[in-house]
Amino acid sequence: MNRFHVHLNVTDLEASLRFYTGLFATPPTVLESDYAKWMLDDPRVNFAISRTGRAAGIDHLGIQADSAEALHGLGARLDAAGGTVVPEAGAVCCYARSDKYWTEDPQGTRWETFHTLGRATTYHAGSAVCASDAACAPDPDASAPTAAVRGAGCGAPKSCCC
């Protein structure tokens, strides 16, 4: 079963850790100096916070797929929704290695669909390149669209996380 994903940028990680640990009644499943993640079953959500220097608030929303096949299906659904879809294979971000598809909704909210392949030792690395606002975006030369993906090289949504 897939899992809803919410990623928030925070300015005070310690205060946010206390708040969300109290709200969810459990400590984070992943805790780093700049990042925390709760993998909750009730509600079924992957809830992450990070202190990256970006404006506080929602960074992106998403759906975590439980298999490569489910991710492919989500990528096709994003394509059918009509936005530009940017694939990111083998991305290292948020202390995890994942295959991803990124898009933006009509209001500009970033959406990430991803299948986690394993743990990573850094917040981000690999094919992500950092832009001037410290956000990351897939390298268009390293992530060629698949047949189910529209909009090769046309304004990838800023991404990084998970």
N, C-alpha and C. Protein backbone atom coordinates (compact mmCIF):
# COMPACT_ATOMS: atom_id res chain seq x y z
N MET A 1 0.84 -1.18 0.00
CA MET A 1 0.00 0.00 0.00
C MET A 1 0.89 1.24 0.00
N ASN A 2 0.57 2.19 -0.85
CA ASN A 2 1.33 3.44 -0.92
C ASN A 2 1.09 4.27 0.33
N ARG A 3 1.95 5.26 0.53
CA ARG A 3 1.90 6.08 1.74
C ARG A 3 1.95 7.55 1.33
N PHE A 4 1.08 8.39 1.90
CA PHE A 4 1.11 9.83 1.65
C PHE A 4 2.38 10.41 2.26
N HIS A 5 2.93 11.44 1.62
CA HIS A 5 4.17 12.05 2.07
C HIS A 5 4.00 13.56 2.20
N VAL A 6 4.45 14.10 3.31
CA VAL A 6 4.47 15.54 3.56
C VAL A 6 5.87 15.90 4.03
N HIS A 7 6.45 16.95 3.43
CA HIS A 7 7.76 17.42 3.86
C HIS A 7 7.66 18.90 4.18
N LEU A 8 8.00 19.26 5.41
CA LEU A 8 7.99 20.65 5.85
C LEU A 8 9.40 21.16 6.06
N ASN A 9 9.62 22.41 5.68
CA ASN A 9 10.84 23.12 6.06
C ASN A 9 10.55 23.77 7.42
N VAL A 10 11.49 23.67 8.34
CA VAL A 10 11.33 24.26 9.67
C VAL A 10 12.52 25.15 9.98
N THR A 11 12.31 26.13 10.85
CA THR A 11 13.41 27.00 11.25
C THR A 11 14.04 26.53 12.56
N ASP A 12 13.28 25.87 13.42
CA ASP A 12 13.78 25.39 14.71
C ASP A 12 13.51 23.89 14.79
N LEU A 13 14.52 23.10 14.44
CA LEU A 13 14.34 21.65 14.38
C LEU A 13 14.01 21.08 15.75
N GLU A 14 14.68 21.54 16.81
CA GLU A 14 14.43 20.99 18.15
C GLU A 14 13.00 21.23 18.61
N ALA A 15 12.48 22.45 18.42
CA ALA A 15 11.10 22.75 18.80
C ALA A 15 10.13 21.92 17.96
N SER A 16 10.42 21.77 16.67
CA SER A 16 9.57 20.97 15.79
C SER A 16 9.61 19.50 16.18
N LEU A 17 10.78 18.99 16.56
CA LEU A 17 10.89 17.60 17.02
C LEU A 17 10.01 17.37 18.23
N ARG A 18 10.07 18.28 19.20
CA ARG A 18 9.24 18.14 20.40
C ARG A 18 7.75 18.15 20.02
N PHE A 19 7.35 19.10 19.17
CA PHE A 19 5.95 19.22 18.79
C PHE A 19 5.45 17.97 18.07
N TYR A 20 6.14 17.54 17.03
CA TYR A 20 5.66 16.41 16.23
C TYR A 20 5.80 15.08 16.97
N THR A 21 6.80 14.94 17.82
CA THR A 21 6.90 13.73 18.64
C THR A 21 5.70 13.66 19.58
N GLY A 22 5.30 14.79 20.15
CA GLY A 22 4.10 14.82 21.00
C GLY A 22 2.84 14.56 20.20
N LEU A 23 2.70 15.20 19.04
CA LEU A 23 1.51 15.03 18.21
C LEU A 23 1.34 13.58 17.76
N PHE A 24 2.44 12.96 17.31
CA PHE A 24 2.37 11.60 16.80
C PHE A 24 2.54 10.55 17.90
N ALA A 25 2.88 10.98 19.12
CA ALA A 25 3.06 10.09 20.27
C ALA A 25 4.12 9.02 20.03
N THR A 26 5.14 9.39 19.25
CA THR A 26 6.25 8.48 18.98
C THR A 26 7.44 9.30 18.48
N PRO A 27 8.66 8.86 18.77
CA PRO A 27 9.83 9.57 18.24
C PRO A 27 9.98 9.32 16.74
N PRO A 28 10.78 10.13 16.07
CA PRO A 28 10.99 9.92 14.63
C PRO A 28 11.69 8.58 14.37
N THR A 29 11.42 8.02 13.20
CA THR A 29 12.09 6.77 12.80
C THR A 29 13.47 7.05 12.21
N VAL A 30 13.66 8.27 11.70
CA VAL A 30 14.97 8.72 11.22
C VAL A 30 15.21 10.08 11.86
N LEU A 31 16.39 10.25 12.47
CA LEU A 31 16.73 11.52 13.09
C LEU A 31 18.18 11.86 12.77
N GLU A 32 18.38 12.98 12.11
CA GLU A 32 19.70 13.50 11.79
C GLU A 32 19.78 14.93 12.32
N SER A 33 20.94 15.56 12.22
CA SER A 33 21.11 16.91 12.75
C SER A 33 20.28 17.96 12.03
N ASP A 34 19.86 17.67 10.80
CA ASP A 34 19.11 18.64 10.01
C ASP A 34 17.79 18.07 9.46
N TYR A 35 17.38 16.88 9.94
CA TYR A 35 16.27 16.17 9.31
C TYR A 35 15.65 15.17 10.29
N ALA A 36 14.34 15.00 10.20
CA ALA A 36 13.66 13.94 10.95
C ALA A 36 12.50 13.43 10.11
N LYS A 37 12.19 12.13 10.27
CA LYS A 37 11.09 11.52 9.52
C LYS A 37 10.34 10.55 10.42
N TRP A 38 9.01 10.63 10.34
CA TRP A 38 8.13 9.69 11.02
C TRP A 38 7.44 8.85 9.96
N MET A 39 7.54 7.53 10.06
CA MET A 39 6.82 6.61 9.17
C MET A 39 5.63 6.09 9.98
N LEU A 40 4.50 6.76 9.82
CA LEU A 40 3.33 6.47 10.64
C LEU A 40 2.38 5.52 9.92
N ASP A 41 1.69 4.70 10.70
CA ASP A 41 0.68 3.80 10.14
C ASP A 41 -0.73 4.31 10.37
N ASP A 42 -0.91 5.23 11.31
CA ASP A 42 -2.24 5.77 11.59
C ASP A 42 -2.13 7.25 11.90
N PRO A 43 -2.30 8.12 10.93
CA PRO A 43 -2.60 7.84 9.52
C PRO A 43 -1.35 7.35 8.79
N ARG A 44 -1.54 6.65 7.69
CA ARG A 44 -0.42 6.09 6.92
C ARG A 44 0.25 7.23 6.16
N VAL A 45 1.32 7.76 6.75
CA VAL A 45 2.00 8.93 6.18
C VAL A 45 3.50 8.86 6.45
N ASN A 46 4.26 9.33 5.51
CA ASN A 46 5.69 9.57 5.66
C ASN A 46 5.79 11.08 5.88
N PHE A 47 6.01 11.50 7.13
CA PHE A 47 6.03 12.91 7.50
C PHE A 47 7.46 13.30 7.82
N ALA A 48 8.01 14.26 7.07
CA ALA A 48 9.41 14.65 7.25
C ALA A 48 9.51 16.14 7.49
N ILE A 49 10.52 16.52 8.29
CA ILE A 49 10.86 17.92 8.51
C ILE A 49 12.35 18.08 8.28
N SER A 50 12.75 19.26 7.82
CA SER A 50 14.18 19.52 7.66
C SER A 50 14.48 20.99 7.86
N ARG A 51 15.69 21.25 8.25
CA ARG A 51 16.19 22.60 8.42
C ARG A 51 17.21 22.81 7.30
N THR A 52 16.74 23.40 6.19
CA THR A 52 17.59 23.55 5.01
C THR A 52 17.90 25.00 4.68
N GLY A 53 17.33 25.94 5.43
CA GLY A 53 17.54 27.35 5.12
C GLY A 53 16.49 27.93 4.20
N ARG A 54 15.60 27.09 3.69
CA ARG A 54 14.51 27.58 2.85
C ARG A 54 13.39 28.10 3.75
N ALA A 55 12.45 28.81 3.16
CA ALA A 55 11.34 29.37 3.92
C ALA A 55 10.58 28.26 4.64
N ALA A 56 10.16 28.54 5.89
CA ALA A 56 9.40 27.56 6.66
C ALA A 56 8.04 27.31 6.01
N GLY A 57 7.57 26.09 6.11
CA GLY A 57 6.28 25.72 5.57
C GLY A 57 6.38 24.48 4.70
N ILE A 58 5.34 24.21 3.94
CA ILE A 58 5.32 23.01 3.10
C ILE A 58 6.38 23.12 2.01
N ASP A 59 7.27 22.16 1.97
CA ASP A 59 8.27 22.08 0.91
C ASP A 59 7.67 21.36 -0.30
N HIS A 60 7.09 20.19 -0.04
CA HIS A 60 6.43 19.43 -1.10
C HIS A 60 5.52 18.37 -0.49
N LEU A 61 4.64 17.86 -1.32
CA LEU A 61 3.76 16.75 -0.96
C LEU A 61 4.11 15.58 -1.87
N GLY A 62 3.66 14.39 -1.51
CA GLY A 62 3.99 13.28 -2.38
C GLY A 62 3.30 12.00 -2.01
N ILE A 63 3.67 10.97 -2.75
CA ILE A 63 3.19 9.61 -2.51
C ILE A 63 4.39 8.69 -2.58
N GLN A 64 4.60 7.92 -1.51
CA GLN A 64 5.67 6.94 -1.46
C GLN A 64 5.12 5.62 -1.94
N ALA A 65 5.66 5.11 -3.04
CA ALA A 65 5.22 3.84 -3.62
C ALA A 65 5.90 2.69 -2.90
N ASP A 66 5.19 1.59 -2.77
CA ASP A 66 5.78 0.44 -2.08
C ASP A 66 6.51 -0.52 -3.02
N SER A 67 6.53 -0.20 -4.33
CA SER A 67 7.25 -1.05 -5.29
C SER A 67 7.60 -0.23 -6.52
N ALA A 68 8.52 -0.76 -7.31
CA ALA A 68 8.88 -0.09 -8.57
C ALA A 68 7.69 -0.06 -9.51
N GLU A 69 6.88 -1.11 -9.52
CA GLU A 69 5.70 -1.15 -10.37
C GLU A 69 4.69 -0.08 -9.96
N ALA A 70 4.49 0.08 -8.66
CA ALA A 70 3.56 1.11 -8.17
C ALA A 70 4.08 2.50 -8.55
N LEU A 71 5.41 2.71 -8.45
CA LEU A 71 5.98 4.00 -8.84
C LEU A 71 5.73 4.28 -10.32
N HIS A 72 5.94 3.27 -11.17
CA HIS A 72 5.69 3.45 -12.60
C HIS A 72 4.23 3.85 -12.85
N GLY A 73 3.32 3.20 -12.13
CA GLY A 73 1.90 3.55 -12.26
C GLY A 73 1.63 4.98 -11.82
N LEU A 74 2.27 5.43 -10.74
CA LEU A 74 2.11 6.81 -10.29
C LEU A 74 2.68 7.78 -11.30
N GLY A 75 3.81 7.42 -11.92
CA GLY A 75 4.39 8.27 -12.96
C GLY A 75 3.44 8.43 -14.14
N ALA A 76 2.79 7.35 -14.53
CA ALA A 76 1.82 7.41 -15.63
C ALA A 76 0.62 8.28 -15.24
N ARG A 77 0.20 8.20 -13.96
CA ARG A 77 -0.92 9.03 -13.50
C ARG A 77 -0.52 10.50 -13.49
N LEU A 78 0.70 10.81 -13.08
CA LEU A 78 1.17 12.20 -13.12
C LEU A 78 1.17 12.70 -14.56
N ASP A 79 1.63 11.87 -15.48
CA ASP A 79 1.65 12.25 -16.89
C ASP A 79 0.23 12.51 -17.40
N ALA A 80 -0.70 11.65 -17.03
CA ALA A 80 -2.09 11.82 -17.46
C ALA A 80 -2.71 13.08 -16.87
N ALA A 81 -2.22 13.53 -15.71
CA ALA A 81 -2.74 14.74 -15.07
C ALA A 81 -2.35 15.99 -15.86
N GLY A 82 -1.32 15.89 -16.71
CA GLY A 82 -1.03 16.97 -17.64
C GLY A 82 0.12 17.89 -17.30
N GLY A 83 0.79 17.70 -16.19
CA GLY A 83 1.92 18.57 -15.87
C GLY A 83 3.22 18.03 -16.44
N THR A 84 4.27 18.83 -16.36
CA THR A 84 5.60 18.37 -16.74
C THR A 84 6.08 17.40 -15.68
N VAL A 85 6.50 16.21 -16.09
CA VAL A 85 6.95 15.18 -15.17
C VAL A 85 8.44 14.97 -15.39
N VAL A 86 9.20 15.01 -14.30
CA VAL A 86 10.65 14.87 -14.36
C VAL A 86 11.06 13.63 -13.58
N PRO A 87 11.64 12.63 -14.25
CA PRO A 87 12.12 11.44 -13.54
C PRO A 87 13.47 11.71 -12.89
N GLU A 88 13.73 11.02 -11.80
CA GLU A 88 15.01 11.14 -11.10
C GLU A 88 15.34 9.74 -10.58
N ALA A 89 16.16 9.01 -11.33
CA ALA A 89 16.52 7.64 -10.96
C ALA A 89 17.70 7.63 -10.01
N GLY A 90 17.63 6.80 -8.98
CA GLY A 90 18.75 6.62 -8.05
C GLY A 90 19.11 7.87 -7.28
N ALA A 91 18.15 8.73 -6.99
CA ALA A 91 18.42 9.98 -6.28
C ALA A 91 18.83 9.70 -4.84
N VAL A 92 19.78 10.47 -4.34
CA VAL A 92 20.13 10.43 -2.92
C VAL A 92 19.63 11.73 -2.32
N CYS A 93 18.69 11.60 -1.41
CA CYS A 93 18.12 12.77 -0.77
C CYS A 93 17.42 12.35 0.52
N CYS A 94 17.50 13.23 1.51
CA CYS A 94 16.85 12.98 2.80
C CYS A 94 17.31 11.66 3.41
N TYR A 95 18.60 11.39 3.29
CA TYR A 95 19.21 10.21 3.88
C TYR A 95 18.63 8.91 3.33
N ALA A 96 18.15 8.96 2.08
CA ALA A 96 17.61 7.77 1.43
C ALA A 96 18.00 7.78 -0.05
N ARG A 97 18.01 6.60 -0.65
CA ARG A 97 18.22 6.45 -2.09
C ARG A 97 16.91 5.99 -2.69
N SER A 98 16.43 6.74 -3.72
CA SER A 98 15.10 6.49 -4.27
C SER A 98 15.05 6.76 -5.76
N ASP A 99 14.11 6.11 -6.43
CA ASP A 99 13.71 6.48 -7.78
C ASP A 99 12.49 7.38 -7.63
N LYS A 100 12.41 8.46 -8.46
CA LYS A 100 11.36 9.46 -8.25
C LYS A 100 10.80 9.98 -9.56
N TYR A 101 9.62 10.55 -9.45
CA TYR A 101 9.03 11.40 -10.48
C TYR A 101 8.58 12.67 -9.76
N TRP A 102 8.90 13.83 -10.33
CA TRP A 102 8.51 15.13 -9.78
C TRP A 102 7.59 15.86 -10.74
N THR A 103 6.68 16.65 -10.20
CA THR A 103 5.85 17.53 -11.00
C THR A 103 5.37 18.68 -10.11
N GLU A 104 4.64 19.60 -10.70
CA GLU A 104 3.98 20.66 -9.93
C GLU A 104 2.52 20.68 -10.32
N ASP A 105 1.65 20.97 -9.33
CA ASP A 105 0.23 21.10 -9.64
C ASP A 105 -0.02 22.49 -10.24
N PRO A 106 -1.24 22.80 -10.66
CA PRO A 106 -1.50 24.09 -11.30
C PRO A 106 -1.19 25.32 -10.43
N GLN A 107 -1.16 25.13 -9.11
CA GLN A 107 -0.85 26.24 -8.20
C GLN A 107 0.65 26.36 -7.93
N GLY A 108 1.45 25.42 -8.42
CA GLY A 108 2.89 25.45 -8.19
C GLY A 108 3.35 24.62 -7.00
N THR A 109 2.45 23.85 -6.37
CA THR A 109 2.85 22.97 -5.28
C THR A 109 3.63 21.81 -5.86
N ARG A 110 4.82 21.57 -5.31
CA ARG A 110 5.66 20.47 -5.80
C ARG A 110 5.15 19.14 -5.29
N TRP A 111 5.09 18.15 -6.19
CA TRP A 111 4.68 16.78 -5.86
C TRP A 111 5.79 15.82 -6.23
N GLU A 112 6.08 14.91 -5.31
CA GLU A 112 7.11 13.89 -5.50
C GLU A 112 6.45 12.53 -5.35
N THR A 113 6.66 11.66 -6.32
CA THR A 113 6.31 10.25 -6.15
C THR A 113 7.63 9.50 -6.14
N PHE A 114 7.76 8.53 -5.24
CA PHE A 114 9.07 7.89 -5.10
C PHE A 114 8.95 6.49 -4.54
N HIS A 115 9.96 5.68 -4.85
CA HIS A 115 10.12 4.34 -4.30
C HIS A 115 11.49 4.31 -3.66
N THR A 116 11.53 4.11 -2.35
CA THR A 116 12.78 4.10 -1.60
C THR A 116 13.51 2.79 -1.82
N LEU A 117 14.79 2.90 -2.19
CA LEU A 117 15.61 1.72 -2.47
C LEU A 117 16.52 1.36 -1.31
N GLY A 118 16.80 2.33 -0.43
CA GLY A 118 17.69 2.07 0.70
C GLY A 118 18.09 3.35 1.40
N ARG A 119 18.85 3.20 2.45
CA ARG A 119 19.31 4.32 3.28
C ARG A 119 20.55 4.94 2.65
N ALA A 120 20.76 6.24 2.89
CA ALA A 120 21.97 6.95 2.45
C ALA A 120 22.59 7.64 3.65
N THR A 121 23.85 7.99 3.55
CA THR A 121 24.55 8.62 4.67
C THR A 121 24.58 10.14 4.60
N THR A 122 24.03 10.71 3.50
CA THR A 122 24.01 12.17 3.35
C THR A 122 22.60 12.64 3.03
N TYR A 123 22.36 13.94 3.26
CA TYR A 123 21.05 14.52 2.98
C TYR A 123 20.75 14.49 1.48
N HIS A 124 21.71 14.92 0.67
CA HIS A 124 21.53 14.82 -0.78
C HIS A 124 22.87 14.67 -1.46
N ALA A 125 22.84 14.06 -2.65
CA ALA A 125 24.04 13.84 -3.45
C ALA A 125 23.61 13.26 -4.78
N GLY A 126 24.56 12.91 -5.61
CA GLY A 126 24.26 12.22 -6.86
C GLY A 126 23.86 13.15 -7.97
N SER A 127 22.73 12.86 -8.65
CA SER A 127 22.35 13.62 -9.84
C SER A 127 21.70 14.95 -9.53
N ALA A 128 21.46 15.26 -8.26
CA ALA A 128 20.87 16.55 -7.92
C ALA A 128 21.93 17.64 -8.02
N VAL A 129 21.54 18.76 -8.58
CA VAL A 129 22.42 19.93 -8.65
C VAL A 129 21.75 21.05 -7.89
N CYS A 130 22.52 21.82 -7.12
CA CYS A 130 21.91 22.85 -6.30
C CYS A 130 21.77 24.15 -7.06
N ALA A 131 20.61 24.76 -6.90
CA ALA A 131 20.32 26.05 -7.51
C ALA A 131 20.70 27.15 -6.51
N SER A 132 20.59 28.39 -6.93
CA SER A 132 21.01 29.51 -6.10
C SER A 132 20.20 29.64 -4.82
N ASP A 133 18.97 29.13 -4.77
CA ASP A 133 18.16 29.24 -3.56
C ASP A 133 18.34 28.04 -2.63
N ALA A 134 19.35 27.24 -2.84
CA ALA A 134 19.72 26.08 -2.03
C ALA A 134 18.77 24.90 -2.21
N ALA A 135 17.76 25.03 -3.05
CA ALA A 135 16.92 23.88 -3.37
C ALA A 135 17.65 23.04 -4.40
N CYS A 136 17.21 21.83 -4.59
CA CYS A 136 17.87 20.95 -5.57
C CYS A 136 16.92 20.67 -6.71
N ALA A 137 17.48 20.36 -7.84
CA ALA A 137 16.68 20.00 -9.01
C ALA A 137 17.37 18.88 -9.74
N PRO A 138 16.60 17.97 -10.35
CA PRO A 138 17.24 16.91 -11.12
C PRO A 138 18.08 17.48 -12.24
N ASP A 139 19.22 16.86 -12.51
CA ASP A 139 20.07 17.25 -13.62
C ASP A 139 19.41 16.78 -14.91
N PRO A 140 18.98 17.71 -15.80
CA PRO A 140 18.25 17.29 -16.99
C PRO A 140 19.04 16.36 -17.89
N ASP A 141 20.37 16.42 -17.87
CA ASP A 141 21.17 15.52 -18.70
C ASP A 141 21.22 14.11 -18.12
N ALA A 142 21.00 13.99 -16.79
CA ALA A 142 21.11 12.68 -16.14
C ALA A 142 19.78 11.99 -16.01
N SER A 143 18.69 12.65 -16.35
CA SER A 143 17.38 12.03 -16.14
C SER A 143 16.51 12.18 -17.38
N ALA A 144 16.77 11.34 -18.37
CA ALA A 144 15.98 11.39 -19.60
C ALA A 144 14.59 10.82 -19.34
N PRO A 145 13.54 11.48 -19.83
CA PRO A 145 12.17 11.01 -19.59
C PRO A 145 11.92 9.65 -20.23
N THR A 146 11.04 8.89 -19.61
CA THR A 146 10.60 7.62 -20.17
C THR A 146 9.43 7.88 -21.10
N ALA A 147 8.92 6.85 -21.75
CA ALA A 147 7.80 7.02 -22.67
C ALA A 147 6.56 7.57 -21.96
N ALA A 148 6.41 7.26 -20.67
CA ALA A 148 5.23 7.71 -19.94
C ALA A 148 5.41 9.11 -19.37
N VAL A 149 6.52 9.76 -19.70
CA VAL A 149 6.82 11.06 -19.10
C VAL A 149 6.87 12.12 -20.17
N ARG A 150 6.26 13.23 -19.91
CA ARG A 150 6.13 14.36 -20.80
C ARG A 150 7.15 15.44 -20.44
N GLY A 151 7.52 16.29 -21.36
CA GLY A 151 8.23 17.53 -21.06
C GLY A 151 9.72 17.40 -20.79
N ALA A 152 10.44 16.68 -21.60
CA ALA A 152 11.88 16.52 -21.37
C ALA A 152 12.59 17.86 -21.32
N GLY A 153 13.33 18.09 -20.24
CA GLY A 153 14.18 19.25 -20.13
C GLY A 153 13.43 20.58 -20.08
N CYS A 154 12.16 20.59 -19.73
CA CYS A 154 11.44 21.87 -19.71
C CYS A 154 11.05 22.28 -18.32
N GLY A 155 11.98 22.89 -17.63
CA GLY A 155 11.66 23.50 -16.35
C GLY A 155 11.31 22.52 -15.24
N ALA A 156 12.23 21.67 -14.89
CA ALA A 156 11.98 20.70 -13.82
C ALA A 156 11.59 21.40 -12.54
N PRO A 157 10.60 20.87 -11.83
CA PRO A 157 10.28 21.45 -10.54
C PRO A 157 11.47 21.31 -9.59
N LYS A 158 11.71 22.28 -8.76
CA LYS A 158 12.81 22.16 -7.79
C LYS A 158 12.50 21.01 -6.86
N SER A 159 13.48 20.18 -6.63
CA SER A 159 13.24 19.00 -5.82
C SER A 159 14.40 18.72 -4.91
N CYS A 160 14.20 17.91 -3.98
CA CYS A 160 15.19 17.26 -3.17
C CYS A 160 14.49 16.90 -1.90
N CYS A 161 14.28 15.73 -1.71
CA CYS A 161 13.81 15.26 -0.45
C CYS A 161 12.93 14.08 -0.53
N CYS A 162 12.76 13.77 0.49
CA CYS A 162 11.97 12.65 0.70
C CYS A 162 11.56 11.94 1.81
